[in-house]
Structure formats: C-alpha cells, structure tokens
C-alpha cells in the first residue's frame, strides 16, 4: 500500500507499508514493527496487538519531550489493545489513537504534518486491501522498468 508524501520538511513520514514493514519518506525501509517519531525510527519488540503491554509502551512515556498522542497501528482490522493498557497510558497523560495499521499510518502522517508532538507504534498488517489504483500504479511501474532509454524491451 502506498501513501503519497512529497514534503521533506515534515520529518519522517510513512510512504508505504507491507507485510514486511514500512517504507519511510527518507528512503529507508524499516522491517517489522516500528516505533516512529518525527525525527527517528526504532524497531519495536512486539509481534501482535496481544504483545502490547506496559513494558512495550514504556519507551513512549519515558522519552523527552513528552508526546501528546500515540498512534497505535494494531496490524489487521479486528485486532484490539487491552482496555487495561488504554487506562495505563491515560494515567501517563498520553492520548491514544488505536486503529488498523492502514488507518494508523495516515493518522500518524497527518498529525506529524500538523506539527503535533506525536509518535507511532505500528505493527505491519498480515492482510491488506488492494485497490484499483494500487494495481494500476504497479502495472505502470512494471512497464516503466521494462524500458531502456525510452525504448521498450521486446
């Protein structure tokens, strides 16, 4: 899945994601779950939404400056974070936005572009929707790869 990001002054944004990980606006590929901040990205040691606990979230409330909101991408639709964890983060004065990773990537990018003090805790989805636009752009990319000096390879 691809998300269009062309402004490089906004910090690190998520350009696309797959089952393997995330492609970032700085050209890097992050493999597996990530903790993303406007200026840095770290590997996040969880595999599923069930692995999200106080310890796995401790990074987000111990760093300075404090974040206002944590966007959690739980992977596939239907995955949930424990209500105990939601209450725990509320006690740490951090708002949560919890959604499937597809939505969470867009939410993180939007809040980051607004200049909010945001972080993302994102698990790559194992399933995702493929739209007509995705198919068309892949065909176009594949067709462009088969050109040499603007002449198609036959």
Protein backbone atom coordinates (compact mmCIF):
# COMPACT_ATOMS: atom_id res chain seq x y z
CA UNK A 1 0.00 0.00 0.00
CA UNK A 2 1.41 3.41 -0.97
CA UNK A 3 0.80 6.82 0.57
CA UNK A 4 1.95 9.95 -1.28
CA UNK A 5 4.36 12.16 0.72
CA UNK A 6 6.36 14.79 -1.07
CA UNK A 7 7.18 17.36 1.63
CA UNK A 8 10.56 16.51 3.16
CA UNK A 9 10.39 19.25 5.82
CA UNK A 10 7.79 17.41 7.88
CA UNK A 11 10.15 14.90 9.44
CA UNK A 12 9.87 11.18 8.84
CA UNK A 13 6.59 10.10 7.31
CA UNK A 14 5.36 6.68 6.21
CA UNK A 15 5.28 6.34 2.42
CA UNK A 16 4.05 2.75 2.26
CA UNK A 17 3.71 -0.46 4.20
CA UNK A 18 3.63 -4.18 3.53
CA UNK A 19 3.66 -7.43 5.46
CA UNK A 20 7.43 -6.98 5.85
CA UNK A 21 7.47 -3.44 7.24
CA UNK A 22 7.39 0.23 6.28
CA UNK A 23 8.99 2.42 3.61
CA UNK A 24 9.74 5.85 5.02
CA UNK A 25 9.89 9.29 3.41
CA UNK A 26 13.68 9.43 3.96
CA UNK A 27 14.09 6.47 1.57
CA UNK A 28 14.73 3.90 4.29
CA UNK A 29 12.86 0.63 4.75
CA UNK A 30 12.04 -0.40 8.33
CA UNK A 31 11.48 -4.15 8.72
CA UNK A 32 8.90 -5.38 11.22
CA UNK A 33 7.03 -3.40 13.87
CA UNK A 34 8.31 0.14 14.48
CA UNK A 35 8.23 2.97 16.97
CA UNK A 36 8.25 6.10 14.83
CA UNK A 37 8.83 9.69 15.90
CA UNK A 38 9.08 12.82 13.74
CA UNK A 39 12.89 12.58 13.61
CA UNK A 40 13.69 8.92 14.34
CA UNK A 41 12.53 5.33 13.93
CA UNK A 42 13.24 2.36 16.18
CA UNK A 43 12.47 -1.32 15.97
CA UNK A 44 9.56 -2.17 18.30
CA UNK A 45 9.68 -5.57 20.00
CA UNK A 46 6.08 -6.76 19.52
CA UNK A 47 4.57 -9.16 17.01
CA UNK A 48 0.83 -8.78 17.52
CA UNK A 49 -1.61 -6.49 19.31
CA UNK A 50 -1.71 -9.04 22.15
CA UNK A 51 2.01 -8.34 22.77
CA UNK A 52 1.33 -4.67 23.56
CA UNK A 53 1.81 -4.20 27.29
CA UNK A 54 3.16 -1.68 29.82
CA UNK A 55 6.75 -2.69 29.10
CA UNK A 56 6.44 -2.42 25.31
CA UNK A 57 4.91 1.06 25.68
CA UNK A 58 7.41 2.34 28.28
CA UNK A 59 9.51 3.97 25.57
CA UNK A 60 6.67 6.33 24.68
CA UNK A 61 6.27 7.86 28.12
CA UNK A 62 9.91 7.93 29.26
CA UNK A 63 11.36 9.94 26.38
CA UNK A 64 11.54 13.72 26.35
CA UNK A 65 9.88 15.78 25.04
CA UNK A 66 6.67 14.07 26.10
CA UNK A 67 4.36 13.09 23.29
CA UNK A 68 0.76 14.31 23.22
CA UNK A 69 -0.64 11.40 21.30
CA UNK A 70 0.44 7.87 20.46
CA UNK A 71 -0.97 6.34 17.29
CA UNK A 72 -1.08 2.57 17.60
CA UNK A 73 -1.44 0.51 14.43
CA UNK A 74 -2.55 -2.94 15.56
CA UNK A 75 -1.98 -4.68 12.23
CA UNK A 76 -5.15 -6.12 10.73
CA UNK A 77 -8.70 -4.85 11.25
CA UNK A 78 -10.32 -6.53 14.24
CA UNK A 79 -7.17 -6.58 16.40
CA UNK A 80 -7.54 -4.79 19.74
CA UNK A 81 -5.45 -3.40 22.56
CA UNK A 82 -6.39 -4.36 26.11
CA UNK A 83 -8.54 -1.82 27.97
CA UNK A 84 -6.04 -2.18 30.83
CA UNK A 85 -3.33 -0.79 28.54
CA UNK A 86 -5.56 2.09 27.41
CA UNK A 87 -6.18 3.04 31.05
CA UNK A 88 -2.46 2.70 31.84
CA UNK A 89 -1.49 5.17 29.10
CA UNK A 90 -4.26 7.53 30.19
CA UNK A 91 -2.65 7.58 33.65
CA UNK A 92 0.62 8.56 31.91
CA UNK A 93 -1.24 11.50 30.30
CA UNK A 94 -0.79 10.21 26.76
CA UNK A 95 -3.78 10.14 24.43
CA UNK A 96 -4.14 7.08 22.23
CA UNK A 97 -5.45 6.64 18.71
CA UNK A 98 -5.83 2.89 18.07
CA UNK A 99 -6.70 1.58 14.63
CA UNK A 100 -5.66 -0.93 11.97
CA UNK A 101 -2.21 -0.10 10.62
CA UNK A 102 -3.60 1.15 7.30
CA UNK A 103 -5.51 3.92 9.09
CA UNK A 104 -2.81 4.46 11.71
CA UNK A 105 -0.16 5.30 9.07
CA UNK A 106 -2.35 8.04 7.59
CA UNK A 107 -3.24 9.36 11.05
CA UNK A 108 0.41 9.48 12.13
CA UNK A 109 1.39 11.31 8.92
CA UNK A 110 -1.43 13.83 9.32
CA UNK A 111 -0.65 14.62 12.97
CA UNK A 112 3.07 14.83 12.23
CA UNK A 113 2.43 17.22 9.31
CA UNK A 114 0.35 19.38 11.64
CA UNK A 115 3.39 19.72 13.91
CA UNK A 116 1.80 17.78 16.79
CA UNK A 117 4.06 16.00 19.28
CA UNK A 118 3.14 12.52 18.02
CA UNK A 119 4.63 9.04 17.91
CA UNK A 120 3.52 5.88 16.19
CA UNK A 121 3.63 2.28 17.39
CA UNK A 122 2.98 0.29 14.25
CA UNK A 123 2.67 -3.43 13.54
CA UNK A 124 2.77 -4.41 9.85
CA UNK A 125 -0.53 -5.94 8.72
CA UNK A 126 -0.60 -9.53 7.51
CA UNK A 127 -3.59 -8.73 5.29
CA UNK A 128 -4.47 -5.60 3.37
CA UNK A 129 -6.81 -4.33 0.70
CA UNK A 130 -5.55 -3.80 -2.82
CA UNK A 131 -7.34 -1.04 -4.71
CA UNK A 132 -7.64 -0.42 -8.45
CA UNK A 133 -5.15 2.46 -8.02
CA UNK A 134 -2.61 0.06 -6.47
CA UNK A 135 -2.97 -2.31 -9.42
CA UNK A 136 -2.69 0.49 -11.98
CA UNK A 137 0.39 2.04 -10.36
CA UNK A 138 2.09 -1.39 -10.12
CA UNK A 139 1.41 -2.06 -13.81
CA UNK A 140 2.76 1.39 -14.70
CA UNK A 141 5.88 0.86 -12.56
CA UNK A 142 6.49 -2.58 -14.11
CA UNK A 143 6.02 -1.17 -17.63
CA UNK A 144 8.48 1.66 -16.85
CA UNK A 145 11.04 -0.86 -15.54
CA UNK A 146 10.96 -2.64 -18.90
CA UNK A 147 12.14 0.46 -20.81
CA UNK A 148 15.73 1.14 -21.77
CA UNK A 149 16.40 4.71 -22.91
CA UNK A 150 12.68 5.17 -23.57
CA UNK A 151 12.53 2.12 -25.89
CA UNK A 152 10.51 -0.86 -24.68
CA UNK A 153 12.27 -4.20 -24.36
CA UNK A 154 10.53 -6.69 -26.62
